[in-house]
């Protein structure tokens, strides 16, 4: 297939082409894509797309902090389809790292000095 666009939205993969649109497991005949829906939860949303004519892909992950309403976007851009697929396959690990970072940032924002092991006595 020459010209196509892959998109992950609404918890499923969609492949748009000049011939017809394919959904979910129908795409497995062309590409083996990971099921990103299992990575989404009430704190995590994922959007991914690849356009073969522009040879560009994007993975956008948005994580909401558990104890606040702050959201943190993580955006990745790719110019190589193989790297795009590799990043999709490794996305679960990246999301876990990003969630840990968000928790650390929230803790630091709540207690900027205590989170670094400092107290008021360090400044006197």
C-alpha atoms as a PDB file:
ATOM      1  CA  UNK A   1       0.000   0.000   0.000  1.00  0.00           C
ATOM      2  CA  UNK A   2       1.530   3.249  -1.143  1.00  0.00           C
ATOM      3  CA  UNK A   3      -0.392   6.139   0.439  1.00  0.00           C
ATOM      4  CA  UNK A   4      -1.987   5.650   3.821  1.00  0.00           C
ATOM      5  CA  UNK A   5      -2.505   7.315   7.147  1.00  0.00           C
ATOM      6  CA  UNK A   6      -2.508   5.418  10.427  1.00  0.00           C
ATOM      7  CA  UNK A   7      -4.294   6.933  13.372  1.00  0.00           C
ATOM      8  CA  UNK A   8      -4.960   5.775  16.911  1.00  0.00           C
ATOM      9  CA  UNK A   9      -8.062   7.474  18.259  1.00  0.00           C
ATOM     10  CA  UNK A  10     -11.115   6.426  20.251  1.00  0.00           C
ATOM     11  CA  UNK A  11      -9.263   3.366  21.602  1.00  0.00           C
ATOM     12  CA  UNK A  12      -8.607   1.786  18.191  1.00  0.00           C
ATOM     13  CA  UNK A  13      -6.323   1.946  15.165  1.00  0.00           C
ATOM     14  CA  UNK A  14      -7.715   3.262  11.883  1.00  0.00           C
ATOM     15  CA  UNK A  15      -5.893   3.103   8.544  1.00  0.00           C
ATOM     16  CA  UNK A  16      -7.109   5.523   5.893  1.00  0.00           C
ATOM     17  CA  UNK A  17      -6.081   4.751   2.327  1.00  0.00           C
ATOM     18  CA  UNK A  18      -7.139   5.573  -1.200  1.00  0.00           C
ATOM     19  CA  UNK A  19      -8.900   2.202  -1.427  1.00  0.00           C
ATOM     20  CA  UNK A  20     -10.809   1.845   1.830  1.00  0.00           C
ATOM     21  CA  UNK A  21     -10.576   2.455   5.542  1.00  0.00           C
ATOM     22  CA  UNK A  22      -9.481  -0.383   7.806  1.00  0.00           C
ATOM     23  CA  UNK A  23     -10.217  -0.664  11.514  1.00  0.00           C
ATOM     24  CA  UNK A  24      -8.627  -2.562  14.403  1.00  0.00           C
ATOM     25  CA  UNK A  25      -7.571  -6.117  13.552  1.00  0.00           C
ATOM     26  CA  UNK A  26      -8.090  -5.573   9.794  1.00  0.00           C
ATOM     27  CA  UNK A  27      -4.826  -3.592   9.834  1.00  0.00           C
ATOM     28  CA  UNK A  28      -2.887  -6.642  11.092  1.00  0.00           C
ATOM     29  CA  UNK A  29      -2.693  -7.898   7.491  1.00  0.00           C
ATOM     30  CA  UNK A  30      -0.426  -4.916   6.731  1.00  0.00           C
ATOM     31  CA  UNK A  31       1.167  -3.942  10.058  1.00  0.00           C
ATOM     32  CA  UNK A  32       1.348  -5.497  13.495  1.00  0.00           C
ATOM     33  CA  UNK A  33       0.447  -2.562  15.732  1.00  0.00           C
ATOM     34  CA  UNK A  34       0.282  -2.753  19.526  1.00  0.00           C
ATOM     35  CA  UNK A  35      -3.035  -2.340  21.311  1.00  0.00           C
ATOM     36  CA  UNK A  36      -2.619   1.077  22.903  1.00  0.00           C
ATOM     37  CA  UNK A  37      -6.111   1.029  24.398  1.00  0.00           C
ATOM     38  CA  UNK A  38      -4.864  -1.088  27.304  1.00  0.00           C
ATOM     39  CA  UNK A  39      -2.397   1.708  28.171  1.00  0.00           C
ATOM     40  CA  UNK A  40      -5.118   4.346  28.413  1.00  0.00           C
ATOM     41  CA  UNK A  41      -6.841   4.958  31.716  1.00  0.00           C
ATOM     42  CA  UNK A  42      -8.526   7.829  33.529  1.00  0.00           C
ATOM     43  CA  UNK A  43      -5.139   9.574  33.910  1.00  0.00           C
ATOM     44  CA  UNK A  44      -3.577   8.751  30.530  1.00  0.00           C
ATOM     45  CA  UNK A  45      -4.696   9.539  26.988  1.00  0.00           C
ATOM     46  CA  UNK A  46      -2.854   8.586  23.809  1.00  0.00           C
ATOM     47  CA  UNK A  47      -3.067   9.882  20.252  1.00  0.00           C
ATOM     48  CA  UNK A  48      -0.796   8.526  17.531  1.00  0.00           C
ATOM     49  CA  UNK A  49      -0.648   9.016  13.775  1.00  0.00           C
ATOM     50  CA  UNK A  50       1.574   8.289  10.784  1.00  0.00           C
ATOM     51  CA  UNK A  51       1.195   9.834   7.331  1.00  0.00           C
ATOM     52  CA  UNK A  52       3.047   7.936   4.604  1.00  0.00           C
ATOM     53  CA  UNK A  53       2.931  10.788   2.079  1.00  0.00           C
ATOM     54  CA  UNK A  54       4.556  13.255   4.485  1.00  0.00           C
ATOM     55  CA  UNK A  55       6.657  10.496   6.085  1.00  0.00           C
ATOM     56  CA  UNK A  56       5.951  11.903   9.530  1.00  0.00           C
ATOM     57  CA  UNK A  57       4.452  10.426  12.639  1.00  0.00           C
ATOM     58  CA  UNK A  58       3.431  11.695  16.020  1.00  0.00           C
ATOM     59  CA  UNK A  59       2.772  10.105  19.381  1.00  0.00           C
ATOM     60  CA  UNK A  60       1.085  12.380  21.896  1.00  0.00           C
ATOM     61  CA  UNK A  61       0.614  11.187  25.461  1.00  0.00           C
ATOM     62  CA  UNK A  62      -1.137  13.313  28.052  1.00  0.00           C
ATOM     63  CA  UNK A  63      -0.883  12.366  31.719  1.00  0.00           C
ATOM     64  CA  UNK A  64      -3.030  13.921  34.425  1.00  0.00           C
ATOM     65  CA  UNK A  65      -1.551  14.065  37.902  1.00  0.00           C
ATOM     66  CA  UNK A  66      -3.388  11.856  40.381  1.00  0.00           C
ATOM     67  CA  UNK A  67      -3.777  14.385  43.207  1.00  0.00           C
ATOM     68  CA  UNK A  68      -4.349  17.512  41.120  1.00  0.00           C
ATOM     69  CA  UNK A  69      -5.912  18.552  37.848  1.00  0.00           C
ATOM     70  CA  UNK A  70      -2.570  19.379  36.239  1.00  0.00           C
ATOM     71  CA  UNK A  71      -1.930  17.715  32.903  1.00  0.00           C
ATOM     72  CA  UNK A  72       1.456  17.067  31.368  1.00  0.00           C
ATOM     73  CA  UNK A  73       1.848  16.492  27.611  1.00  0.00           C
ATOM     74  CA  UNK A  74       4.587  14.283  26.185  1.00  0.00           C
ATOM     75  CA  UNK A  75       4.941  14.700  22.421  1.00  0.00           C
ATOM     76  CA  UNK A  76       7.155  12.646  20.136  1.00  0.00           C
ATOM     77  CA  UNK A  77       7.784  13.246  16.426  1.00  0.00           C
ATOM     78  CA  UNK A  78       9.206  10.698  13.970  1.00  0.00           C
ATOM     79  CA  UNK A  79      10.516  10.844  10.404  1.00  0.00           C
ATOM     80  CA  UNK A  80      11.196   7.111  10.096  1.00  0.00           C
ATOM     81  CA  UNK A  81       8.377   4.543  10.076  1.00  0.00           C
ATOM     82  CA  UNK A  82      10.493   1.839  11.740  1.00  0.00           C
ATOM     83  CA  UNK A  83      11.386   4.175  14.610  1.00  0.00           C
ATOM     84  CA  UNK A  84       7.705   5.092  14.919  1.00  0.00           C
ATOM     85  CA  UNK A  85       6.720   1.412  15.221  1.00  0.00           C
ATOM     86  CA  UNK A  86       9.589   0.797  17.665  1.00  0.00           C
ATOM     87  CA  UNK A  87       8.423   3.675  19.843  1.00  0.00           C
ATOM     88  CA  UNK A  88       4.871   2.315  19.811  1.00  0.00           C
ATOM     89  CA  UNK A  89       6.129  -1.076  20.958  1.00  0.00           C
ATOM     90  CA  UNK A  90       8.093   0.583  23.786  1.00  0.00           C
ATOM     91  CA  UNK A  91       5.348   3.033  24.723  1.00  0.00           C
ATOM     92  CA  UNK A  92       4.258   1.148  27.845  1.00  0.00           C
ATOM     93  CA  UNK A  93       7.720   1.618  29.386  1.00  0.00           C
ATOM     94  CA  UNK A  94       7.837   5.284  28.371  1.00  0.00           C
ATOM     95  CA  UNK A  95       4.427   5.941  29.918  1.00  0.00           C
ATOM     96  CA  UNK A  96       5.498   4.346  33.209  1.00  0.00           C
ATOM     97  CA  UNK A  97       8.602   6.568  33.276  1.00  0.00           C
ATOM     98  CA  UNK A  98       6.507   9.634  32.415  1.00  0.00           C
ATOM     99  CA  UNK A  99       4.029   8.820  35.207  1.00  0.00           C
ATOM    100  CA  UNK A 100       6.883   8.610  37.703  1.00  0.00           C
ATOM    101  CA  UNK A 101       8.193  11.967  36.457  1.00  0.00           C
ATOM    102  CA  UNK A 102       4.744  13.546  36.833  1.00  0.00           C
ATOM    103  CA  UNK A 103       4.478  12.280  40.415  1.00  0.00           C
ATOM    104  CA  UNK A 104       7.946  13.660  41.181  1.00  0.00           C
ATOM    105  CA  UNK A 105       7.101  17.044  39.649  1.00  0.00           C
ATOM    106  CA  UNK A 106       3.860  17.263  41.598  1.00  0.00           C
ATOM    107  CA  UNK A 107       5.629  16.388  44.853  1.00  0.00           C
ATOM    108  CA  UNK A 108       8.319  18.969  44.150  1.00  0.00           C
ATOM    109  CA  UNK A 109       5.713  21.605  43.320  1.00  0.00           C
ATOM    110  CA  UNK A 110       3.904  20.868  46.600  1.00  0.00           C
ATOM    111  CA  UNK A 111       7.050  20.921  48.764  1.00  0.00           C
ATOM    112  CA  UNK A 112       9.944  22.410  46.753  1.00  0.00           C
ATOM    113  CA  UNK A 113      12.531  22.298  49.533  1.00  0.00           C
ATOM    114  CA  UNK A 114      11.456  19.189  51.408  1.00  0.00           C
ATOM    115  CA  UNK A 115      11.386  17.191  48.195  1.00  0.00           C
ATOM    116  CA  UNK A 116      15.118  17.867  47.883  1.00  0.00           C
ATOM    117  CA  UNK A 117      15.838  16.974  51.502  1.00  0.00           C
ATOM    118  CA  UNK A 118      16.196  20.611  52.591  1.00  0.00           C
ATOM    119  CA  UNK A 119      14.672  22.332  55.599  1.00  0.00           C
ATOM    120  CA  UNK A 120      14.511  25.898  56.845  1.00  0.00           C
ATOM    121  CA  UNK A 121      17.604  25.207  58.969  1.00  0.00           C
ATOM    122  CA  UNK A 122      19.653  24.815  55.795  1.00  0.00           C
ATOM    123  CA  UNK A 123      19.005  28.482  55.014  1.00  0.00           C
ATOM    124  CA  UNK A 124      19.703  29.948  58.463  1.00  0.00           C
END
